[in-house]
Amino acid sequence: MEAQTHDGRKLRLMTLIDEFTRECLAIRVARRINGFAVLETMADVMLTRGVPEHIRSDNGAEMTAKIVRSWFARLGAKTIYIEPGSRWENGYCESFNGKLRDELLNGEIFYSLREAQIVIEQWRKHYNTIRPHSSLGYRPPAPQTMNPYPAPLDQIIQMQ
């Protein structure tokens, strides 16, 4: 997916969606995204979520790079590449990308890469924790939670 800054310079976006929960696990925003950027983004998510059984993606050079394919194979994650021109095979991601474009990118002017990264990350958190999703009974995929019985400060100090 692409966007741009006010001066016309391109921004590339790599979106990572959990097809089961519909949660957006990451959005990488950069001028260029190569195989190493894919590995870094995937590794960050896998540290907290674990290694997925399958990874579905398009046939872009960054996703089909030898280093990416061999890393996935070593981890035991199987890859599923969609056919070129068959966006319906990656429906959850395409739906998400459409919402990202309609709800954020079409209405924003980014003045720098860093601004785009911050604003897009804020939108991703809102998408996951607050925004209702019709496919989930108008609930967000990862609602914010809080402990209604927080530990008193003196107990926290004793635990340390």
Protein backbone atom coordinates (compact mmCIF):
# COMPACT_ATOMS: atom_id res chain seq x y z
CA MET A 1 0.00 0.00 0.00
CA GLU A 2 1.25 3.50 -0.74
CA ALA A 3 0.73 7.03 0.52
CA GLN A 4 2.81 10.18 0.20
CA THR A 5 4.10 13.18 2.06
CA HIS A 6 3.14 16.74 1.13
CA ASP A 7 6.15 17.04 -1.18
CA GLY A 8 5.01 14.05 -3.27
CA ARG A 9 7.58 11.60 -1.87
CA LYS A 10 6.21 8.07 -1.56
CA LEU A 11 5.47 6.26 1.66
CA ARG A 12 5.17 2.48 1.65
CA LEU A 13 2.92 0.74 4.17
CA MET A 14 3.13 -2.92 5.12
CA THR A 15 0.04 -3.99 7.02
CA LEU A 16 -0.06 -7.14 9.12
CA ILE A 17 -3.56 -8.45 9.93
CA ASP A 18 -4.63 -11.43 12.05
CA GLU A 19 -7.30 -13.07 9.88
CA PHE A 20 -8.98 -14.75 12.85
CA THR A 21 -9.33 -11.79 15.23
CA ARG A 22 -9.23 -9.03 12.53
CA GLU A 23 -6.69 -7.21 14.67
CA CYS A 24 -4.05 -5.12 12.93
CA LEU A 25 -0.83 -6.42 14.45
CA ALA A 26 1.47 -3.88 12.80
CA ILE A 27 1.74 -1.21 10.13
CA ARG A 28 5.25 -0.56 8.92
CA VAL A 29 5.60 2.89 7.36
CA ALA A 30 8.80 3.64 5.45
CA ARG A 31 10.09 5.13 2.22
CA ARG A 32 11.09 1.64 1.06
CA ILE A 33 10.26 -1.79 2.44
CA ASN A 34 12.59 -4.66 1.63
CA GLY A 35 12.98 -8.22 2.89
CA PHE A 36 14.89 -7.13 5.99
CA ALA A 37 12.10 -4.72 6.93
CA VAL A 38 9.59 -7.58 6.56
CA LEU A 39 11.72 -9.77 8.84
CA GLU A 40 12.04 -7.02 11.43
CA THR A 41 8.30 -6.31 11.46
CA MET A 42 7.35 -9.99 11.58
CA ALA A 43 9.92 -10.75 14.30
CA ASP A 44 8.60 -7.92 16.49
CA VAL A 45 5.07 -9.31 16.27
CA MET A 46 6.17 -12.93 16.70
CA LEU A 47 7.98 -12.06 19.95
CA THR A 48 4.62 -11.32 21.58
CA ARG A 49 2.20 -13.39 19.48
CA GLY A 50 4.25 -16.43 18.56
CA VAL A 51 4.94 -17.93 15.16
CA PRO A 52 1.83 -18.25 12.98
CA GLU A 53 0.99 -21.48 11.19
CA HIS A 54 0.43 -19.68 7.88
CA ILE A 55 1.34 -16.31 6.44
CA ARG A 56 -0.77 -15.07 3.54
CA SER A 57 0.65 -12.31 1.37
CA ASP A 58 0.88 -10.95 -2.12
CA ASN A 59 3.74 -11.82 -4.45
CA GLY A 60 5.65 -8.59 -3.88
CA ALA A 61 9.43 -8.74 -4.04
CA GLU A 62 9.77 -7.98 -0.33
CA MET A 63 7.56 -10.95 0.64
CA THR A 64 9.03 -13.44 -1.83
CA ALA A 65 12.67 -12.56 -1.16
CA LYS A 66 14.81 -15.63 -0.56
CA ILE A 67 15.81 -14.44 2.92
CA VAL A 68 12.14 -14.03 3.93
CA ARG A 69 11.05 -17.40 2.53
CA SER A 70 13.94 -19.26 4.15
CA TRP A 71 13.34 -17.54 7.51
CA PHE A 72 9.65 -18.49 7.46
CA ALA A 73 10.60 -22.07 6.56
CA ARG A 74 13.09 -22.30 9.44
CA LEU A 75 10.38 -21.08 11.82
CA GLY A 76 7.89 -23.61 10.47
CA ALA A 77 5.47 -20.97 9.16
CA LYS A 78 3.94 -21.93 5.83
CA THR A 79 3.49 -19.23 3.21
CA ILE A 80 0.38 -18.76 1.10
CA TYR A 81 0.88 -16.36 -1.79
CA ILE A 82 -2.17 -14.93 -3.50
CA GLU A 83 -2.34 -15.00 -7.26
CA PRO A 84 -1.42 -11.70 -8.92
CA GLY A 85 -4.57 -9.69 -9.59
CA SER A 86 -6.67 -11.82 -7.20
CA ARG A 87 -7.11 -9.42 -4.31
CA TRP A 88 -10.21 -11.31 -3.18
CA GLU A 89 -7.87 -14.10 -2.03
CA ASN A 90 -6.56 -11.70 0.61
CA GLY A 91 -9.92 -10.20 1.53
CA TYR A 92 -9.29 -9.32 5.18
CA CYS A 93 -6.15 -7.38 4.37
CA GLU A 94 -7.69 -5.67 1.35
CA SER A 95 -10.73 -4.69 3.44
CA PHE A 96 -8.44 -3.30 6.13
CA ASN A 97 -6.37 -1.38 3.57
CA GLY A 98 -9.56 0.17 2.17
CA LYS A 99 -10.63 1.31 5.64
CA LEU A 100 -7.15 2.70 6.34
CA ARG A 101 -7.25 4.67 3.09
CA ASP A 102 -10.87 5.90 3.54
CA GLU A 103 -10.69 6.71 7.25
CA LEU A 104 -7.18 8.13 7.46
CA LEU A 105 -4.93 8.42 4.42
CA ASN A 106 -7.40 10.24 2.15
CA GLY A 107 -7.93 12.95 4.80
CA GLU A 108 -4.37 13.52 5.99
CA ILE A 109 -1.42 15.48 4.69
CA PHE A 110 1.83 14.15 6.12
CA TYR A 111 4.76 16.54 6.31
CA SER A 112 7.35 13.92 7.23
CA LEU A 113 7.89 10.19 7.44
CA ARG A 114 7.98 10.38 11.25
CA GLU A 115 4.65 12.23 11.38
CA ALA A 116 3.09 9.56 9.15
CA GLN A 117 4.45 6.79 11.39
CA ILE A 118 3.02 8.40 14.54
CA VAL A 119 -0.40 9.28 13.10
CA ILE A 120 -0.82 5.87 11.44
CA GLU A 121 0.18 4.04 14.64
CA GLN A 122 -2.39 6.08 16.61
CA TRP A 123 -5.04 5.16 14.06
CA ARG A 124 -4.01 1.46 14.27
CA LYS A 125 -4.45 1.49 18.06
CA HIS A 126 -7.86 3.17 17.70
CA TYR A 127 -8.85 0.63 15.02
CA ASN A 128 -7.95 -2.26 17.32
CA THR A 129 -9.26 -1.02 20.66
CA ILE A 130 -12.15 1.40 20.08
CA ARG A 131 -13.51 1.33 16.53
CA PRO A 132 -16.53 -1.00 16.19
CA HIS A 133 -16.33 -3.73 13.54
CA SER A 134 -19.57 -4.96 11.98
CA SER A 135 -18.07 -8.43 11.38
CA LEU A 136 -17.40 -8.72 15.14
CA GLY A 137 -20.85 -7.69 16.33
CA TYR A 138 -19.83 -4.02 16.43
CA ARG A 139 -17.04 -4.67 18.92
CA PRO A 140 -13.37 -3.85 18.40
CA PRO A 141 -10.99 -6.78 17.81
CA ALA A 142 -8.79 -6.03 20.84
CA PRO A 143 -10.73 -3.80 23.24
CA GLN A 144 -8.79 -1.96 25.90
CA THR A 145 -9.03 -3.72 29.21
CA MET A 146 -8.25 -2.67 32.72
CA ASN A 147 -8.14 -4.42 36.04
CA PRO A 148 -11.12 -3.22 38.10
CA TYR A 149 -9.18 -4.20 41.23
CA PRO A 150 -5.75 -2.64 40.87
CA ALA A 151 -3.15 -3.63 43.45
CA PRO A 152 -2.53 -0.96 46.08
CA LEU A 153 0.80 0.81 45.72
CA ASP A 154 2.19 -0.70 48.95
CA GLN A 155 1.58 -4.24 47.57
CA ILE A 156 3.35 -3.38 44.33
CA ILE A 157 6.37 -2.11 46.26
CA GLN A 158 6.46 -5.35 48.33
CA MET A 159 6.41 -7.46 45.13
CA GLN A 160 9.61 -5.85 43.90
